[in-house]
PDB file of N, CA and C in Angstrom:
ATOM      1  N   MET A   1       0.919  -1.131   0.039  1.00  0.00           N
ATOM      2  CA  MET A   1      -0.300  -0.005   0.167  1.00  0.00           C
ATOM      3  C   MET A   1       0.845   1.292  -0.241  1.00  0.00           C
ATOM      4  N   ILE A   2       1.395   1.461   0.814  1.00  0.00           N
ATOM      5  CA  ILE A   2       2.624   2.623   0.861  1.00  0.00           C
ATOM      6  C   ILE A   2       3.850   2.374  -0.229  1.00  0.00           C
ATOM      7  N   ARG A   3       3.903   1.347  -0.855  1.00  0.00           N
ATOM      8  CA  ARG A   3       4.519   1.353  -2.018  1.00  0.00           C
ATOM      9  C   ARG A   3       3.528   1.635  -3.289  1.00  0.00           C
ATOM     10  N   SER A   4       2.378   1.505  -3.577  1.00  0.00           N
ATOM     11  CA  SER A   4       1.684   2.174  -4.209  1.00  0.00           C
ATOM     12  C   SER A   4       1.314   3.798  -4.205  1.00  0.00           C
ATOM     13  N   LEU A   5       1.601   4.302  -2.934  1.00  0.00           N
ATOM     14  CA  LEU A   5       1.750   5.896  -2.821  1.00  0.00           C
ATOM     15  C   LEU A   5       2.884   6.302  -2.912  1.00  0.00           C
ATOM     16  N   ILE A   6       3.835   5.824  -2.856  1.00  0.00           N
ATOM     17  CA  ILE A   6       5.518   6.558  -3.058  1.00  0.00           C
ATOM     18  C   ILE A   6       5.742   6.548  -4.589  1.00  0.00           C
ATOM     19  N   LEU A   7       5.515   5.934  -5.108  1.00  0.00           N
ATOM     20  CA  LEU A   7       6.280   5.637  -6.415  1.00  0.00           C
ATOM     21  C   LEU A   7       5.215   6.474  -7.710  1.00  0.00           C
ATOM     22  N   PRO A   8       4.275   6.632  -7.498  1.00  0.00           N
ATOM     23  CA  PRO A   8       3.002   7.631  -8.260  1.00  0.00           C
ATOM     24  C   PRO A   8       3.847   9.257  -7.578  1.00  0.00           C
ATOM     25  N   VAL A   9       3.967   9.417  -6.811  1.00  0.00           N
ATOM     26  CA  VAL A   9       4.578  10.715  -5.572  1.00  0.00           C
ATOM     27  C   VAL A   9       6.004  10.847  -6.343  1.00  0.00           C
ATOM     28  N   MET A  10       6.644   9.772  -5.847  1.00  0.00           N
ATOM     29  CA  MET A  10       8.146   9.994  -6.703  1.00  0.00           C
ATOM     30  C   MET A  10       8.086  10.733  -8.219  1.00  0.00           C
ATOM     31  N   LEU A  11       7.132  10.007  -9.130  1.00  0.00           N
ATOM     32  CA  LEU A  11       7.050   9.981 -10.640  1.00  0.00           C
ATOM     33  C   LEU A  11       6.504  11.539 -10.710  1.00  0.00           C
ATOM     34  N   TYR A  12       6.051  11.769 -10.047  1.00  0.00           N
ATOM     35  CA  TYR A  12       5.231  13.200  -9.866  1.00  0.00           C
ATOM     36  C   TYR A  12       6.443  14.247  -9.687  1.00  0.00           C
ATOM     37  N   CYS A  13       7.277  14.209  -8.988  1.00  0.00           N
ATOM     38  CA  CYS A  13       8.506  14.701  -7.957  1.00  0.00           C
ATOM     39  C   CYS A  13       9.570  14.856  -9.064  1.00  0.00           C
ATOM     40  N   VAL A  14       9.897  14.199  -9.957  1.00  0.00           N
ATOM     41  CA  VAL A  14      10.878  13.365 -11.054  1.00  0.00           C
ATOM     42  C   VAL A  14      10.180  14.447 -11.968  1.00  0.00           C
ATOM     43  N   ALA A  15       8.969  14.288 -12.518  1.00  0.00           N
ATOM     44  CA  ALA A  15       8.063  14.863 -13.889  1.00  0.00           C
ATOM     45  C   ALA A  15       8.086  16.515 -13.369  1.00  0.00           C
ATOM     46  N   GLY A  16       7.462  16.857 -12.198  1.00  0.00           N
ATOM     47  CA  GLY A  16       7.713  18.283 -12.288  1.00  0.00           C
ATOM     48  C   GLY A  16       9.215  18.999 -11.741  1.00  0.00           C
ATOM     49  N   THR A  17      10.356  17.950 -11.332  1.00  0.00           N
ATOM     50  CA  THR A  17      11.988  18.570 -11.926  1.00  0.00           C
ATOM     51  C   THR A  17      11.988  18.935 -13.040  1.00  0.00           C
ATOM     52  N   VAL A  18      11.725  17.758 -13.894  1.00  0.00           N
ATOM     53  CA  VAL A  18      12.169  17.927 -15.359  1.00  0.00           C
ATOM     54  C   VAL A  18      11.498  19.462 -15.614  1.00  0.00           C
ATOM     55  N   ALA A  19      10.107  19.434 -15.514  1.00  0.00           N
ATOM     56  CA  ALA A  19       9.377  20.322 -16.283  1.00  0.00           C
ATOM     57  C   ALA A  19      10.113  21.927 -15.400  1.00  0.00           C
ATOM     58  N   SER A  20      10.212  21.917 -14.022  1.00  0.00           N
ATOM     59  CA  SER A  20      10.720  23.339 -13.595  1.00  0.00           C
ATOM     60  C   SER A  20      12.224  23.528 -14.422  1.00  0.00           C
ATOM     61  N   TYR A  21      13.193  22.640 -14.866  1.00  0.00           N
ATOM     62  CA  TYR A  21      14.153  22.742 -15.453  1.00  0.00           C
ATOM     63  C   TYR A  21      14.220  23.303 -16.825  1.00  0.00           C
ATOM     64  N   PHE A  22      13.250  22.747 -17.622  1.00  0.00           N
ATOM     65  CA  PHE A  22      13.115  23.242 -19.072  1.00  0.00           C
ATOM     66  C   PHE A  22      11.934  24.521 -18.903  1.00  0.00           C
ATOM     67  N   VAL A  23      11.565  24.968 -18.111  1.00  0.00           N
ATOM     68  CA  VAL A  23      10.890  26.028 -17.791  1.00  0.00           C
ATOM     69  C   VAL A  23      11.913  27.193 -17.363  1.00  0.00           C
ATOM     70  N   TRP A  24      12.551  26.979 -16.650  1.00  0.00           N
ATOM     71  CA  TRP A  24      13.800  28.228 -16.358  1.00  0.00           C
ATOM     72  C   TRP A  24      14.452  28.208 -17.167  1.00  0.00           C
ATOM     73  N   HIS A  25      15.023  27.677 -17.962  1.00  0.00           N
ATOM     74  CA  HIS A  25      15.613  28.173 -18.839  1.00  0.00           C
ATOM     75  C   HIS A  25      14.914  28.939 -20.443  1.00  0.00           C
ATOM     76  N   GLY A  26      13.586  27.845 -20.307  1.00  0.00           N
ATOM     77  CA  GLY A  26      12.844  28.793 -21.242  1.00  0.00           C
ATOM     78  C   GLY A  26      12.600  30.469 -20.878  1.00  0.00           C
ATOM     79  N   VAL A  27      12.783  30.714 -19.572  1.00  0.00           N
ATOM     80  CA  VAL A  27      12.543  32.140 -19.343  1.00  0.00           C
ATOM     81  C   VAL A  27      14.349  32.470 -19.062  1.00  0.00           C
ATOM     82  N   ASN A  28      15.142  32.375 -18.967  1.00  0.00           N
ATOM     83  CA  ASN A  28      16.248  32.485 -18.341  1.00  0.00           C
ATOM     84  C   ASN A  28      17.448  32.272 -18.516  1.00  0.00           C
ATOM     85  N   GLY A  29      17.420  31.462 -19.338  1.00  0.00           N
ATOM     86  CA  GLY A  29      18.603  30.477 -20.447  1.00  0.00           C
ATOM     87  C   GLY A  29      18.937  31.547 -21.084  1.00  0.00           C
ATOM     88  N   GLN A  30      19.953  30.693 -22.340  1.00  0.00           N
ATOM     89  CA  GLN A  30      20.737  31.739 -23.414  1.00  0.00           C
ATOM     90  C   GLN A  30      19.877  32.103 -24.533  1.00  0.00           C
ATOM     91  N   ARG A  31      18.809  31.320 -24.587  1.00  0.00           N
ATOM     92  CA  ARG A  31      17.925  31.838 -26.384  1.00  0.00           C
ATOM     93  C   ARG A  31      16.322  31.974 -25.146  1.00  0.00           C
ATOM     94  N   GLY A  32      16.162  32.552 -23.836  1.00  0.00           N
ATOM     95  CA  GLY A  32      14.966  32.942 -23.474  1.00  0.00           C
ATOM     96  C   GLY A  32      14.070  34.056 -23.331  1.00  0.00           C
ATOM     97  N   LEU A  33      13.018  33.991 -22.552  1.00  0.00           N
ATOM     98  CA  LEU A  33      12.341  35.186 -22.764  1.00  0.00           C
ATOM     99  C   LEU A  33      13.307  36.052 -22.381  1.00  0.00           C
ATOM    100  N   LYS A  34      14.006  36.100 -21.065  1.00  0.00           N
ATOM    101  CA  LYS A  34      15.024  37.831 -20.501  1.00  0.00           C
ATOM    102  C   LYS A  34      15.773  38.207 -21.484  1.00  0.00           C
ATOM    103  N   THR A  35      16.682  37.010 -22.004  1.00  0.00           N
ATOM    104  CA  THR A  35      17.475  37.529 -23.443  1.00  0.00           C
ATOM    105  C   THR A  35      17.146  37.951 -24.247  1.00  0.00           C
ATOM    106  N   GLY A  36      15.555  37.566 -25.054  1.00  0.00           N
ATOM    107  CA  GLY A  36      15.427  38.484 -26.049  1.00  0.00           C
ATOM    108  C   GLY A  36      15.207  40.139 -25.775  1.00  0.00           C
ATOM    109  N   GLU A  37      14.521  40.315 -24.565  1.00  0.00           N
ATOM    110  CA  GLU A  37      14.316  41.804 -23.845  1.00  0.00           C
ATOM    111  C   GLU A  37      15.219  42.149 -24.447  1.00  0.00           C
ATOM    112  N   GLU A  38      16.350  41.901 -23.385  1.00  0.00           N
ATOM    113  CA  GLU A  38      18.156  42.461 -23.188  1.00  0.00           C
ATOM    114  C   GLU A  38      18.143  42.224 -24.647  1.00  0.00           C
ATOM    115  N   TYR A  39      18.384  41.613 -25.629  1.00  0.00           N
ATOM    116  CA  TYR A  39      19.045  41.928 -26.658  1.00  0.00           C
ATOM    117  C   TYR A  39      18.163  43.462 -27.367  1.00  0.00           C
ATOM    118  N   GLU A  40      16.799  43.533 -27.201  1.00  0.00           N
ATOM    119  CA  GLU A  40      16.058  44.182 -27.880  1.00  0.00           C
ATOM    120  C   GLU A  40      16.602  45.519 -26.969  1.00  0.00           C
ATOM    121  N   GLN A  41      16.691  45.829 -25.950  1.00  0.00           N
ATOM    122  CA  GLN A  41      17.371  47.078 -25.165  1.00  0.00           C
ATOM    123  C   GLN A  41      19.017  47.911 -25.854  1.00  0.00           C
ATOM    124  N   LYS A  42      19.623  46.549 -26.133  1.00  0.00           N
ATOM    125  CA  LYS A  42      20.851  47.054 -26.585  1.00  0.00           C
ATOM    126  C   LYS A  42      20.801  46.872 -28.018  1.00  0.00           C
ATOM    127  N   LEU A  43      19.596  46.276 -28.925  1.00  0.00           N
ATOM    128  CA  LEU A  43      19.887  47.002 -30.133  1.00  0.00           C
ATOM    129  C   LEU A  43      19.106  48.026 -30.122  1.00  0.00           C
ATOM    130  N   ALA A  44      18.129  48.472 -29.376  1.00  0.00           N
ATOM    131  CA  ALA A  44      17.688  50.051 -29.657  1.00  0.00           C
ATOM    132  C   ALA A  44      18.801  51.301 -28.796  1.00  0.00           C
ATOM    133  N   GLN A  45      19.748  50.419 -28.255  1.00  0.00           N
ATOM    134  CA  GLN A  45      21.058  51.745 -27.585  1.00  0.00           C
ATOM    135  C   GLN A  45      21.493  51.417 -29.149  1.00  0.00           C
ATOM    136  N   LEU A  46      22.242  50.921 -29.793  1.00  0.00           N
ATOM    137  CA  LEU A  46      22.820  50.588 -30.562  1.00  0.00           C
ATOM    138  C   LEU A  46      22.362  51.561 -31.905  1.00  0.00           C
ATOM    139  N   ARG A  47      20.958  51.389 -32.179  1.00  0.00           N
ATOM    140  CA  ARG A  47      20.144  52.363 -33.246  1.00  0.00           C
ATOM    141  C   ARG A  47      20.376  53.603 -32.875  1.00  0.00           C
ATOM    142  N   GLN A  48      20.501  53.798 -31.463  1.00  0.00           N
ATOM    143  CA  GLN A  48      19.988  55.557 -31.043  1.00  0.00           C
ATOM    144  C   GLN A  48      22.108  55.951 -31.509  1.00  0.00           C
ATOM    145  N   GLU A  49      22.642  55.099 -30.971  1.00  0.00           N
ATOM    146  CA  GLU A  49      23.992  55.599 -31.209  1.00  0.00           C
ATOM    147  C   GLU A  49      24.916  55.529 -32.601  1.00  0.00           C
ATOM    148  N   ARG A  50      24.196  55.031 -33.426  1.00  0.00           N
ATOM    149  CA  ARG A  50      23.941  55.206 -34.917  1.00  0.00           C
ATOM    150  C   ARG A  50      23.575  56.299 -35.594  1.00  0.00           C
ATOM    151  N   ASP A  51      22.178  56.484 -35.199  1.00  0.00           N
ATOM    152  CA  ASP A  51      21.963  57.834 -35.682  1.00  0.00           C
ATOM    153  C   ASP A  51      22.450  59.141 -35.193  1.00  0.00           C
ATOM    154  N   LEU A  52      22.934  59.329 -33.762  1.00  0.00           N
ATOM    155  CA  LEU A  52      23.759  60.275 -33.238  1.00  0.00           C
ATOM    156  C   LEU A  52      24.963  60.077 -33.897  1.00  0.00           C
ATOM    157  N   LEU A  53      25.999  58.985 -34.609  1.00  0.00           N
ATOM    158  CA  LEU A  53      27.061  58.977 -35.503  1.00  0.00           C
ATOM    159  C   LEU A  53      26.727  59.544 -37.043  1.00  0.00           C
ATOM    160  N   LYS A  54      25.820  59.391 -37.180  1.00  0.00           N
ATOM    161  CA  LYS A  54      24.882  59.398 -38.747  1.00  0.00           C
ATOM    162  C   LYS A  54      25.047  61.273 -38.460  1.00  0.00           C
ATOM    163  N   PHE A  55      24.547  61.851 -37.701  1.00  0.00           N
ATOM    164  CA  PHE A  55      24.105  63.071 -37.782  1.00  0.00           C
ATOM    165  C   PHE A  55      25.788  64.096 -37.611  1.00  0.00           C
ATOM    166  N   GLN A  56      26.695  63.027 -36.959  1.00  0.00           N
ATOM    167  CA  GLN A  56      27.821  63.833 -36.652  1.00  0.00           C
ATOM    168  C   GLN A  56      28.663  63.391 -37.756  1.00  0.00           C
ATOM    169  N   ARG A  57      28.176  62.899 -38.925  1.00  0.00           N
ATOM    170  CA  ARG A  57      29.120  62.418 -39.832  1.00  0.00           C
ATOM    171  C   ARG A  57      28.559  63.789 -40.562  1.00  0.00           C
ATOM    172  N   MET A  58      27.254  64.072 -40.606  1.00  0.00           N
ATOM    173  CA  MET A  58      26.606  65.162 -41.867  1.00  0.00           C
ATOM    174  C   MET A  58      27.021  66.307 -41.146  1.00  0.00           C
ATOM    175  N   GLN A  59      27.329  66.829 -39.910  1.00  0.00           N
ATOM    176  CA  GLN A  59      27.696  67.898 -39.695  1.00  0.00           C
ATOM    177  C   GLN A  59      29.520  67.828 -40.073  1.00  0.00           C
ATOM    178  N   TRP A  60      30.180  67.227 -39.917  1.00  0.00           N
ATOM    179  CA  TRP A  60      31.259  67.049 -40.640  1.00  0.00           C
ATOM    180  C   TRP A  60      31.268  67.165 -41.905  1.00  0.00           C
ATOM    181  N   GLU A  61      30.447  66.377 -42.895  1.00  0.00           N
ATOM    182  CA  GLU A  61      30.355  66.704 -44.291  1.00  0.00           C
ATOM    183  C   GLU A  61      30.202  67.781 -44.689  1.00  0.00           C
ATOM    184  N   ALA A  62      29.301  68.620 -43.837  1.00  0.00           N
ATOM    185  CA  ALA A  62      28.700  70.053 -44.438  1.00  0.00           C
ATOM    186  C   ALA A  62      30.170  70.858 -43.912  1.00  0.00           C
ATOM    187  N   ARG A  63      30.587  70.774 -42.921  1.00  0.00           N
ATOM    188  CA  ARG A  63      32.089  71.819 -42.566  1.00  0.00           C
ATOM    189  C   ARG A  63      33.225  71.722 -43.972  1.00  0.00           C
ATOM    190  N   ILE A  64      33.033  70.637 -44.200  1.00  0.00           N
ATOM    191  CA  ILE A  64      34.313  70.007 -44.825  1.00  0.00           C
ATOM    192  C   ILE A  64      33.546  70.203 -46.126  1.00  0.00           C
ATOM    193  N   ALA A  65      32.714  70.345 -46.834  1.00  0.00           N
ATOM    194  CA  ALA A  65      32.708  71.025 -47.741  1.00  0.00           C
ATOM    195  C   ALA A  65      32.709  72.852 -48.070  1.00  0.00           C
ATOM    196  N   LEU A  66      32.209  73.120 -46.626  1.00  0.00           N
ATOM    197  CA  LEU A  66      32.724  74.438 -47.008  1.00  0.00           C
ATOM    198  C   LEU A  66      34.053  74.874 -46.957  1.00  0.00           C
ATOM    199  N   ILE A  67      35.154  74.128 -46.621  1.00  0.00           N
ATOM    200  CA  ILE A  67      36.737  74.213 -46.830  1.00  0.00           C
ATOM    201  C   ILE A  67      36.700  73.822 -48.928  1.00  0.00           C
ATOM    202  N   LYS A  68      36.306  72.656 -48.948  1.00  0.00           N
ATOM    203  CA  LYS A  68      36.964  71.806 -50.073  1.00  0.00           C
ATOM    204  C   LYS A  68      35.898  72.777 -51.174  1.00  0.00           C
ATOM    205  N   GLY A  69      36.415  72.899 -52.119  1.00  0.00           N
ATOM    206  CA  GLY A  69      35.709  73.127 -53.632  1.00  0.00           C
ATOM    207  C   GLY A  69      36.265  74.253 -54.148  1.00  0.00           C
ATOM    208  N   GLU A  70      35.700  74.866 -55.009  1.00  0.00           N
ATOM    209  CA  GLU A  70      36.355  75.881 -55.668  1.00  0.00           C
ATOM    210  C   GLU A  70      36.225  76.880 -54.629  1.00  0.00           C
ATOM    211  N   LYS A  71      35.251  77.209 -54.261  1.00  0.00           N
ATOM    212  CA  LYS A  71      35.760  78.466 -53.052  1.00  0.00           C
ATOM    213  C   LYS A  71      35.593  78.278 -51.420  1.00  0.00           C
ATOM    214  N   ILE A  72      36.609  78.974 -50.978  1.00  0.00           N
ATOM    215  CA  ILE A  72      36.728  78.105 -49.748  1.00  0.00           C
ATOM    216  C   ILE A  72      36.125  79.506 -48.519  1.00  0.00           C
ATOM    217  N   ASP A  73      34.985  78.729 -47.911  1.00  0.00           N
ATOM    218  CA  ASP A  73      34.464  80.108 -47.095  1.00  0.00           C
ATOM    219  C   ASP A  73      35.902  80.429 -45.621  1.00  0.00           C
ATOM    220  N   ALA A  74      36.043  81.828 -45.955  1.00  0.00           N
ATOM    221  CA  ALA A  74      36.989  82.176 -45.463  1.00  0.00           C
ATOM    222  C   ALA A  74      37.006  82.065 -43.755  1.00  0.00           C
ATOM    223  N   ASP A  75      35.901  82.238 -43.038  1.00  0.00           N
ATOM    224  CA  ASP A  75      35.400  82.280 -41.467  1.00  0.00           C
ATOM    225  C   ASP A  75      35.790  81.011 -41.197  1.00  0.00           C
ATOM    226  N   VAL A  76      35.590  79.665 -41.602  1.00  0.00           N
ATOM    227  CA  VAL A  76      35.716  78.542 -41.446  1.00  0.00           C
ATOM    228  C   VAL A  76      37.586  78.299 -41.544  1.00  0.00           C
ATOM    229  N   LEU A  77      37.980  78.325 -42.515  1.00  0.00           N
ATOM    230  CA  LEU A  77      38.942  78.683 -42.983  1.00  0.00           C
ATOM    231  C   LEU A  77      40.116  79.077 -41.492  1.00  0.00           C
ATOM    232  N   GLU A  78      39.776  80.526 -41.407  1.00  0.00           N
ATOM    233  CA  GLU A  78      40.238  81.232 -40.434  1.00  0.00           C
ATOM    234  C   GLU A  78      40.352  80.447 -38.782  1.00  0.00           C
ATOM    235  N   GLU A  79      39.136  79.555 -38.793  1.00  0.00           N
ATOM    236  CA  GLU A  79      39.113  79.188 -37.382  1.00  0.00           C
ATOM    237  C   GLU A  79      39.475  78.086 -37.632  1.00  0.00           C
ATOM    238  N   GLU A  80      39.772  77.089 -38.422  1.00  0.00           N
ATOM    239  CA  GLU A  80      40.447  75.934 -38.522  1.00  0.00           C
ATOM    240  C   GLU A  80      41.747  76.077 -38.740  1.00  0.00           C
ATOM    241  N   ALA A  81      42.252  77.218 -38.474  1.00  0.00           N
ATOM    242  CA  ALA A  81      44.073  78.015 -38.655  1.00  0.00           C
ATOM    243  C   ALA A  81      44.281  77.990 -37.657  1.00  0.00           C
ATOM    244  N   ARG A  82      43.241  78.993 -37.113  1.00  0.00           N
ATOM    245  CA  ARG A  82      43.406  78.760 -35.301  1.00  0.00           C
ATOM    246  C   ARG A  82      43.763  77.904 -34.413  1.00  0.00           C
ATOM    247  N   LYS A  83      43.079  77.124 -34.508  1.00  0.00           N
ATOM    248  CA  LYS A  83      42.268  75.998 -33.910  1.00  0.00           C
ATOM    249  C   LYS A  83      43.694  74.763 -34.105  1.00  0.00           C
ATOM    250  N   ARG A  84      44.279  75.105 -35.025  1.00  0.00           N
ATOM    251  CA  ARG A  84      45.626  74.063 -35.398  1.00  0.00           C
ATOM    252  C   ARG A  84      46.866  74.931 -34.983  1.00  0.00           C
ATOM    253  N   LEU A  85      46.900  76.206 -35.231  1.00  0.00           N
ATOM    254  CA  LEU A  85      48.134  76.671 -35.242  1.00  0.00           C
ATOM    255  C   LEU A  85      48.138  77.034 -33.319  1.00  0.00           C
ATOM    256  N   GLY A  86      47.241  76.923 -32.420  1.00  0.00           N
ATOM    257  CA  GLY A  86      46.824  77.557 -31.135  1.00  0.00           C
ATOM    258  C   GLY A  86      46.486  79.050 -30.907  1.00  0.00           C
ATOM    259  N   ARG A  87      46.791  79.556 -31.855  1.00  0.00           N
ATOM    260  CA  ARG A  87      46.741  81.362 -31.962  1.00  0.00           C
ATOM    261  C   ARG A  87      44.819  81.609 -31.487  1.00  0.00           C
ATOM    262  N   VAL A  88      45.294  83.006 -31.120  1.00  0.00           N
ATOM    263  CA  VAL A  88      43.452  83.252 -31.142  1.00  0.00           C
ATOM    264  C   VAL A  88      43.554  84.956 -31.508  1.00  0.00           C
ATOM    265  N   HIS A  89      42.600  85.921 -31.985  1.00  0.00           N
ATOM    266  CA  HIS A  89      42.738  86.880 -32.512  1.00  0.00           C
ATOM    267  C   HIS A  89      42.443  87.883 -31.138  1.00  0.00           C
ATOM    268  N   LYS A  90      42.843  88.826 -31.119  1.00  0.00           N
ATOM    269  CA  LYS A  90      42.996  90.124 -30.143  1.00  0.00           C
ATOM    270  C   LYS A  90      41.660  90.082 -29.823  1.00  0.00           C
ATOM    271  N   ASN A  91      40.658  90.756 -30.430  1.00  0.00           N
ATOM    272  CA  ASN A  91      39.226  90.232 -29.751  1.00  0.00           C
ATOM    273  C   ASN A  91      38.417  89.249 -29.094  1.00  0.00           C
ATOM    274  N   ASP A  92      39.185  87.897 -29.652  1.00  0.00           N
ATOM    275  CA  ASP A  92      38.528  86.851 -29.350  1.00  0.00           C
ATOM    276  C   ASP A  92      38.396  86.330 -27.343  1.00  0.00           C
ATOM    277  N   VAL A  93      37.612  86.161 -27.223  1.00  0.00           N
ATOM    278  CA  VAL A  93      37.092  85.584 -25.601  1.00  0.00           C
ATOM    279  C   VAL A  93      37.908  84.198 -25.652  1.00  0.00           C
ATOM    280  N   VAL A  94      38.703  83.641 -25.016  1.00  0.00           N
ATOM    281  CA  VAL A  94      39.021  82.486 -24.735  1.00  0.00           C
ATOM    282  C   VAL A  94      38.875  81.789 -23.585  1.00  0.00           C
ATOM    283  N   ILE A  95      38.119  80.771 -23.342  1.00  0.00           N
ATOM    284  CA  ILE A  95      37.366  79.789 -22.316  1.00  0.00           C
ATOM    285  C   ILE A  95      38.112  78.339 -22.151  1.00  0.00           C
ATOM    286  N   LEU A  96      38.804  78.636 -21.078  1.00  0.00           N
ATOM    287  CA  LEU A  96      39.860  77.179 -21.748  1.00  0.00           C
ATOM    288  C   LEU A  96      38.721  76.297 -20.734  1.00  0.00           C
ATOM    289  N   LEU A  97      38.655  74.761 -21.164  1.00  0.00           N
ATOM    290  CA  LEU A  97      38.165  74.072 -20.104  1.00  0.00           C
ATOM    291  C   LEU A  97      38.787  72.504 -20.478  1.00  0.00           C
ATOM    292  N   PRO A  98      38.832  71.781 -19.162  1.00  0.00           N
ATOM    293  CA  PRO A  98      39.752  70.909 -18.854  1.00  0.00           C
ATOM    294  C   PRO A  98      39.440  69.924 -20.006  1.00  0.00           C
ATOM    295  N   GLN A  99      40.872  69.065 -20.166  1.00  0.00           N
ATOM    296  CA  GLN A  99      40.433  68.256 -21.636  1.00  0.00           C
ATOM    297  C   GLN A  99      40.365  67.057 -20.852  1.00  0.00           C
ATOM    298  N   GLU A 100      39.000  66.351 -21.327  1.00  0.00           N
ATOM    299  CA  GLU A 100      38.753  64.645 -21.229  1.00  0.00           C
ATOM    300  C   GLU A 100      40.323  63.951 -21.693  1.00  0.00           C
ATOM    301  N   SER A 101      40.455  62.682 -20.978  1.00  0.00           N
ATOM    302  CA  SER A 101      41.697  61.745 -21.367  1.00  0.00           C
ATOM    303  C   SER A 101      41.204  61.298 -22.984  1.00  0.00           C
ATOM    304  N   GLY A 102      39.996  60.481 -23.321  1.00  0.00           N
ATOM    305  CA  GLY A 102      39.977  60.348 -24.625  1.00  0.00           C
ATOM    306  C   GLY A 102      39.576  61.116 -25.880  1.00  0.00           C
ATOM    307  N   GLN A 103      39.621  62.547 -25.424  1.00  0.00           N
ATOM    308  CA  GLN A 103      39.583  63.236 -26.626  1.00  0.00           C
ATOM    309  C   GLN A 103      41.248  64.092 -27.038  1.00  0.00           C
ATOM    310  N   GLN A 104      41.303  64.686 -27.929  1.00  0.00           N
ATOM    311  CA  GLN A 104      41.919  65.535 -28.721  1.00  0.00           C
ATOM    312  C   GLN A 104      42.184  67.021 -28.532  1.00  0.00           C
TER     313      GLN A 104
END
């Protein structure tokens, strides 16, 4: 009688353990539901970074277009020459900012 009770309970426990294992990995595993959400967040972050880089590229291309070509914009040329030579005009206001370690 006890044997007829213990065997089904043991089988249910083993089946429950196996099912729990697969459910846990379905939610938390390498290809589970939480991982999919993390991938979506990372993808959104990378898209935002890509859009920022595209915007910066457009700014640089517009600036280069002012210097490059048949006619050079005098203001842009003067600003770039001053920046490269480390010079300022006598009427310029200079604000010194601390340099960050990753930028030049």
